[in-house]
Amino acid sequence: MTGAAGIALDGAPVLLFDPVVDLSDGRVLGMDARVEWDHPKRGRIPTDVLVAEIDAGGAGVALLTWLLEESCGEAAHWSRSIQLGVGCPSAPLRAGEVGKTVAAVLERSGLDGDQLTLEVTEEVVSDGSATKDLVALRELGVQLGIRDVDTGWSAFDPLRKLAVGTVKIHRAYVEGIDGDLGMNRLVVEAVIRAAGSLGMATIADGVDGARQLAAMQAMGVDAAQGRFFAGAMGADAARSLAGPDTVPRFSRAEARTLLPTAPRPTTSTDTPAAPGVPPAPDTPVDGEGAHGAATSSGGASKGTAGKKGSGGARRSPAERPAKGAAENG
């Protein structure tokens, strides 16, 4: 039995999404897609175990294709301001199989390339083994992010040339921010400084409680994801949260609390007034504006959630250049 084409594993894949939240005002900037597997005997197989097992069996491309097909199909129904993030295994990139797969999925789903961010490892960027595929992705308008970052960065020049936009701080350091005699905090601070020097926005993975949130805000991290804001959600819940009529916001003081938002003004085409410019944030709820200003330490103004671009200005994961403007990064 195969739950997805080319994957010989009993049961079926399960699509999940994790919201990415702007730490300056609580807006949802994006949704990171991932896959788990419901197995009739083993139960739910978590993402990390599943990906390692599938890669070892040579079906990494098949799993990535399924995840891209399903998540891009969903994201086509979201607000244009919400970015879809998908983690990309290294093996298919090094084999040169990702660019053509993404191109076909984007065409079928109708999703614009610049609404998709593929997260890759720093190693696959710096060692040059996947440069051809990464360049092809940038030519499609796809944004690039580095995932699971710690202090082991080996080369900055390739990151600049490919206009990598975001770095995701490894959840182990975020979850244990006060542990290991303060070393975790030093690692996070080092990543923030390096990202800032490259004009890249920072995302903290693993913000599960108020203490982690406060630490990330104080250090100037741009965005975060974790159980403080929301647990992993299915496609229906993600569509409800990221729908085209609102730009949802989470409280940055109360765990898992959604703040009321006014409907986003729409036009006949429901697109931003200028190409590549996202809709303006909603008017803050009373008291939120002052709190947002107080948490903008470190780097660029958090009103723009850490902007980046090929010219070095930092940019939010949700702010995308006009189509074709950043392809030569």
Protein backbone atom coordinates (compact mmCIF):
# COMPACT_ATOMS: atom_id res chain seq x y z
CA MET A 1 0.00 0.00 0.00
CA THR A 2 1.23 3.55 -0.69
CA GLY A 3 -0.20 6.63 1.02
CA ALA A 4 1.51 8.92 -1.47
CA ALA A 5 2.83 8.17 -4.94
CA GLY A 6 6.25 6.55 -4.82
CA ILE A 7 6.28 6.01 -1.03
CA ALA A 8 5.98 2.38 0.01
CA LEU A 9 4.71 2.87 3.56
CA ASP A 10 1.42 1.67 5.00
CA GLY A 11 -1.02 4.33 6.07
CA ALA A 12 -1.27 7.92 4.86
CA PRO A 13 0.55 11.27 5.08
CA VAL A 14 -0.89 14.06 7.22
CA LEU A 15 -0.42 17.72 6.27
CA LEU A 16 0.22 20.13 9.16
CA PHE A 17 0.96 23.84 9.44
CA ASP A 18 2.80 25.92 12.06
CA PRO A 19 2.10 29.69 12.09
CA VAL A 20 5.02 32.12 11.98
CA VAL A 21 4.27 35.28 13.97
CA ASP A 22 5.75 38.78 13.76
CA LEU A 23 7.11 39.59 17.23
CA SER A 24 6.55 43.33 16.79
CA ASP A 25 2.77 43.21 16.52
CA GLY A 26 1.61 39.58 16.59
CA ARG A 27 0.61 39.40 12.93
CA VAL A 28 0.73 36.02 11.26
CA LEU A 29 3.42 36.31 8.58
CA GLY A 30 3.44 32.77 7.32
CA MET A 31 2.59 29.10 7.68
CA ASP A 32 5.26 26.42 7.68
CA ALA A 33 4.06 23.17 6.14
CA ARG A 34 5.27 19.76 7.27
CA VAL A 35 4.16 16.17 7.02
CA GLU A 36 3.62 13.40 9.55
CA TRP A 37 2.41 9.89 8.78
CA ASP A 38 -0.48 7.86 10.20
CA HIS A 39 0.72 4.27 10.24
CA PRO A 40 -1.74 1.45 11.07
CA LYS A 41 0.72 -0.29 13.41
CA ARG A 42 3.28 2.35 14.40
CA GLY A 43 0.80 5.14 15.03
CA ARG A 44 1.71 8.73 14.14
CA ILE A 45 5.26 8.97 12.79
CA PRO A 46 6.67 12.47 13.53
CA THR A 47 8.21 14.62 10.83
CA ASP A 48 11.89 14.18 11.73
CA VAL A 49 11.65 10.39 11.93
CA LEU A 50 9.58 10.19 8.76
CA VAL A 51 11.88 12.38 6.66
CA ALA A 52 14.99 10.49 7.76
CA GLU A 53 13.34 7.15 6.98
CA ILE A 54 12.01 8.23 3.60
CA ASP A 55 15.34 9.80 2.59
CA ALA A 56 17.20 6.63 3.54
CA GLY A 57 14.82 4.66 1.33
CA GLY A 58 15.43 6.96 -1.65
CA ALA A 59 11.91 8.40 -1.76
CA GLY A 60 12.77 11.92 -0.58
CA VAL A 61 11.65 13.52 -3.84
CA ALA A 62 8.30 11.73 -3.69
CA LEU A 63 7.63 12.97 -0.14
CA LEU A 64 8.72 16.53 -1.00
CA THR A 65 6.52 16.50 -4.10
CA TRP A 66 3.49 15.41 -2.08
CA LEU A 67 4.14 18.10 0.53
CA LEU A 68 4.56 20.80 -2.12
CA GLU A 69 1.44 19.72 -4.03
CA GLU A 70 -0.74 19.73 -0.92
CA SER A 71 0.62 22.85 0.77
CA CYS A 72 0.80 25.02 -2.37
CA GLY A 73 -2.76 24.01 -3.21
CA GLU A 74 -3.82 25.24 0.23
CA ALA A 75 -1.73 28.42 0.14
CA ALA A 76 -3.40 29.46 -3.12
CA HIS A 77 -6.52 30.14 -0.98
CA TRP A 78 -4.72 32.24 1.64
CA SER A 79 -4.21 35.96 2.03
CA ARG A 80 -1.51 37.20 -0.37
CA SER A 81 0.39 38.49 2.68
CA ILE A 82 0.89 35.00 4.14
CA GLN A 83 4.08 33.20 3.16
CA LEU A 84 4.20 29.41 2.79
CA GLY A 85 7.34 27.78 4.17
CA VAL A 86 8.44 24.27 3.20
CA GLY A 87 11.53 22.47 4.45
CA CYS A 88 13.56 20.96 1.61
CA PRO A 89 15.80 17.89 2.10
CA SER A 90 19.37 18.22 0.86
CA ALA A 91 19.52 15.06 -1.28
CA PRO A 92 16.94 16.14 -3.90
CA LEU A 93 18.61 19.57 -4.14
CA ARG A 94 22.01 18.06 -4.73
CA ALA A 95 20.49 15.78 -7.36
CA GLY A 96 19.05 18.82 -9.17
CA GLU A 97 15.46 17.59 -8.87
CA VAL A 98 13.80 20.35 -6.86
CA GLY A 99 13.67 23.24 -9.32
CA LYS A 100 11.67 21.38 -11.95
CA THR A 101 9.39 19.87 -9.29
CA VAL A 102 8.62 23.28 -7.80
CA ALA A 103 8.02 24.81 -11.23
CA ALA A 104 5.45 22.13 -12.07
CA VAL A 105 3.70 22.43 -8.70
CA LEU A 106 3.47 26.21 -8.91
CA GLU A 107 1.95 25.97 -12.38
CA ARG A 108 -0.65 23.43 -11.25
CA SER A 109 -1.56 25.19 -8.01
CA GLY A 110 -1.60 28.75 -9.33
CA LEU A 111 0.54 29.92 -6.39
CA ASP A 112 3.01 32.70 -7.19
CA GLY A 113 6.62 31.68 -6.68
CA ASP A 114 7.36 34.59 -4.35
CA GLN A 115 4.71 33.38 -1.90
CA LEU A 116 6.77 30.21 -1.33
CA THR A 117 9.87 29.99 0.86
CA LEU A 118 11.98 26.84 0.66
CA GLU A 119 14.03 26.25 3.80
CA VAL A 120 17.36 24.51 3.22
CA THR A 121 20.43 23.77 5.32
CA GLU A 122 23.37 26.16 5.40
CA GLU A 123 25.65 23.33 4.31
CA VAL A 124 23.85 22.75 1.02
CA VAL A 125 24.20 26.46 0.20
CA SER A 126 27.82 26.90 1.23
CA ASP A 127 29.32 23.76 -0.30
CA GLY A 128 28.01 24.61 -3.78
CA SER A 129 26.54 21.15 -4.37
CA ALA A 130 23.04 22.48 -5.03
CA THR A 131 23.82 25.84 -6.59
CA LYS A 132 22.22 24.99 -9.95
CA ASP A 133 18.92 24.01 -8.35
CA LEU A 134 18.96 26.95 -5.94
CA VAL A 135 19.53 29.39 -8.80
CA ALA A 136 16.63 27.80 -10.69
CA LEU A 137 14.41 28.30 -7.65
CA ARG A 138 15.37 31.97 -7.38
CA GLU A 139 14.57 32.41 -11.08
CA LEU A 140 11.07 31.15 -10.28
CA GLY A 141 10.80 33.90 -7.66
CA VAL A 142 10.92 31.39 -4.81
CA GLN A 143 12.36 32.79 -1.57
CA LEU A 144 15.13 30.91 0.24
CA GLY A 145 15.59 30.45 3.97
CA ILE A 146 18.19 28.68 6.11
CA ARG A 147 16.80 26.35 8.78
CA ASP A 148 18.14 24.99 12.09
CA VAL A 149 20.86 27.61 12.33
CA ASP A 150 23.44 27.64 15.14
CA THR A 151 26.99 29.03 15.21
CA GLY A 152 28.40 26.72 12.53
CA TRP A 153 28.07 29.07 9.56
CA SER A 154 30.91 28.35 7.16
CA ALA A 155 30.51 30.82 4.29
CA PHE A 156 28.58 34.06 3.96
CA ASP A 157 29.21 34.87 0.28
CA PRO A 158 26.88 32.19 -1.18
CA LEU A 159 24.11 33.36 1.14
CA ARG A 160 24.43 36.88 -0.25
CA LYS A 161 24.60 35.78 -3.87
CA LEU A 162 21.44 33.69 -3.55
CA ALA A 163 19.63 36.47 -1.67
CA VAL A 164 18.73 34.15 1.20
CA GLY A 165 16.06 36.02 3.15
CA THR A 166 15.53 34.31 6.51
CA VAL A 167 17.38 32.25 9.08
CA LYS A 168 15.53 30.00 11.48
CA ILE A 169 17.24 29.61 14.85
CA HIS A 170 17.47 25.97 15.93
CA ARG A 171 14.68 25.14 18.35
CA ALA A 172 17.04 23.41 20.78
CA TYR A 173 18.64 26.76 21.66
CA VAL A 174 15.31 28.58 21.86
CA GLU A 175 13.58 25.95 24.00
CA GLY A 176 16.50 25.86 26.42
CA ILE A 177 17.31 29.57 26.27
CA ASP A 178 18.23 29.75 29.98
CA GLY A 179 20.03 26.39 30.08
CA ASP A 180 23.57 25.19 29.53
CA LEU A 181 25.14 27.91 31.71
CA GLY A 182 23.99 30.65 29.36
CA MET A 183 25.57 29.14 26.23
CA ASN A 184 22.19 28.80 24.49
CA ARG A 185 21.60 32.52 24.87
CA LEU A 186 25.05 33.28 23.45
CA VAL A 187 24.34 31.07 20.43
CA VAL A 188 21.05 32.85 19.73
CA GLU A 189 22.69 36.26 20.06
CA ALA A 190 25.47 35.21 17.68
CA VAL A 191 22.96 34.05 15.06
CA ILE A 192 21.05 37.33 15.35
CA ARG A 193 24.23 39.37 14.82
CA ALA A 194 25.33 37.28 11.83
CA ALA A 195 21.87 37.45 10.23
CA GLY A 196 21.74 41.20 10.75
CA SER A 197 25.10 41.64 9.04
CA LEU A 198 23.72 39.75 6.03
CA GLY A 199 20.41 41.63 5.91
CA MET A 200 18.44 38.51 6.81
CA ALA A 201 15.37 38.26 9.04
CA THR A 202 15.49 35.92 12.03
CA ILE A 203 12.83 33.40 13.03
CA ALA A 204 12.94 31.62 16.40
CA ASP A 205 11.62 28.07 16.34
CA GLY A 206 10.40 26.54 19.60
CA VAL A 207 8.84 29.53 21.39
CA ASP A 208 6.63 27.40 23.62
CA GLY A 209 6.32 29.61 26.71
CA ALA A 210 6.33 33.19 27.98
CA ARG A 211 9.97 33.06 29.12
CA GLN A 212 11.21 32.08 25.66
CA LEU A 213 9.01 34.71 24.06
CA ALA A 214 10.33 37.46 26.35
CA ALA A 215 13.92 36.44 25.64
CA MET A 216 13.42 36.47 21.86
CA GLN A 217 11.71 39.87 22.01
CA ALA A 218 14.48 41.32 24.18
CA MET A 219 17.19 40.08 21.81
CA GLY A 220 15.46 41.52 18.75
CA VAL A 221 14.35 38.37 16.95
CA ASP A 222 12.00 39.30 14.10
CA ALA A 223 9.50 36.44 14.13
CA ALA A 224 8.76 33.21 15.98
CA GLN A 225 6.80 30.01 15.95
CA GLY A 226 5.89 27.55 18.68
CA ARG A 227 3.18 26.40 21.04
CA PHE A 228 2.94 29.80 22.74
CA PHE A 229 1.11 30.99 19.63
CA ALA A 230 -0.44 27.80 18.26
CA GLY A 231 0.17 24.11 18.00
CA ALA A 232 0.44 22.35 14.66
CA MET A 233 -2.85 22.63 12.79
CA GLY A 234 -4.53 20.86 9.91
CA ALA A 235 -5.31 22.36 6.50
CA ASP A 236 -8.83 23.54 7.42
CA ALA A 237 -7.66 25.39 10.52
CA ALA A 238 -4.77 26.93 8.59
CA ARG A 239 -7.10 28.16 5.86
CA SER A 240 -9.39 29.69 8.48
CA LEU A 241 -6.47 31.52 10.10
CA ALA A 242 -4.72 32.59 6.89
CA GLY A 243 -7.80 33.30 4.80
CA PRO A 244 -7.92 36.12 2.27
CA ASP A 245 -10.13 38.53 4.24
CA THR A 246 -8.07 39.19 7.38
CA VAL A 247 -4.52 39.51 8.60
CA PRO A 248 -4.81 37.62 11.92
CA ARG A 249 -2.84 38.58 15.02
CA PHE A 250 -1.84 36.73 18.16
CA SER A 251 -1.38 38.34 21.55
CA ARG A 252 2.28 38.63 22.52
CA ALA A 253 1.42 38.45 26.20
CA GLU A 254 -1.27 35.77 26.44
CA ALA A 255 -0.51 32.30 25.15
CA ARG A 256 -2.59 31.13 22.16
CA THR A 257 -4.85 34.18 22.24
CA LEU A 258 -6.03 35.56 18.91
CA LEU A 259 -6.76 39.27 18.86
CA PRO A 260 -9.74 40.65 16.93
CA THR A 261 -8.88 42.15 13.57
CA ALA A 262 -10.84 44.21 11.12
CA PRO A 263 -11.45 42.77 7.64
CA ARG A 264 -8.71 43.67 5.20
CA PRO A 265 -9.90 46.19 2.60
CA THR A 266 -10.31 44.47 -0.74
CA THR A 267 -10.35 45.59 -4.34
CA SER A 268 -11.84 43.94 -7.36
CA THR A 269 -8.62 41.94 -7.75
CA ASP A 270 -7.84 41.61 -4.02
CA THR A 271 -4.19 42.47 -4.59
CA PRO A 272 -1.91 45.11 -2.99
CA ALA A 273 -1.98 48.59 -4.51
CA ALA A 274 1.63 48.27 -5.66
CA PRO A 275 3.29 45.07 -6.90
CA GLY A 276 5.07 43.22 -4.12
CA VAL A 277 3.86 45.55 -1.36
CA PRO A 278 1.88 43.75 1.37
CA PRO A 279 -1.26 45.25 2.91
CA ALA A 280 -0.67 47.58 5.83
CA PRO A 281 -0.93 46.07 9.31
CA ASP A 282 -4.24 46.39 11.10
CA THR A 283 -4.67 49.18 13.62
CA PRO A 284 -3.25 47.88 16.92
CA VAL A 285 -5.60 46.91 19.71
CA ASP A 286 -5.43 49.38 22.59
CA GLY A 287 -2.16 48.93 24.45
CA GLU A 288 -0.55 46.74 21.81
CA GLY A 289 1.16 49.57 19.96
CA ALA A 290 3.22 50.68 22.93
CA HIS A 291 4.22 47.13 23.71
CA GLY A 292 5.29 46.61 20.11
CA ALA A 293 7.54 49.66 20.23
CA ALA A 294 9.11 48.47 23.46
CA THR A 295 10.12 45.16 21.92
CA SER A 296 11.93 46.54 18.89
CA SER A 297 15.45 46.25 20.28
CA GLY A 298 18.21 45.09 17.97
CA GLY A 299 18.52 45.82 14.26
CA ALA A 300 15.88 47.22 11.97
CA SER A 301 12.53 48.71 12.90
CA LYS A 302 10.17 45.93 13.92
CA GLY A 303 7.35 47.82 12.24
CA THR A 304 8.64 46.10 9.11
CA ALA A 305 9.51 42.89 10.93
CA GLY A 306 13.12 42.87 9.81
CA LYS A 307 13.34 43.68 6.13
CA LYS A 308 15.76 42.11 3.68
CA GLY A 309 16.51 42.28 0.03
CA SER A 310 19.32 41.80 -2.42
CA GLY A 311 20.49 45.30 -1.57
CA GLY A 312 20.99 44.41 2.08
CA ALA A 313 17.91 46.07 3.61
CA ARG A 314 16.18 43.68 6.02
CA ARG A 315 12.80 42.34 5.02
CA SER A 316 9.99 40.37 6.59
CA PRO A 317 9.23 36.81 5.40
CA ALA A 318 5.83 38.18 4.34
CA GLU A 319 7.17 41.11 2.33
CA ARG A 320 8.05 40.05 -1.18
CA PRO A 321 9.71 41.98 -4.00
CA ALA A 322 7.93 42.81 -7.19
CA LYS A 323 8.00 39.74 -9.40
CA GLY A 324 11.46 39.36 -10.92
CA ALA A 325 13.03 42.15 -8.85
CA ALA A 326 15.18 39.91 -6.67
CA GLU A 327 15.90 37.06 -9.02
CA ASN A 328 19.42 38.28 -9.67
CA GLY A 329 20.40 38.16 -5.98
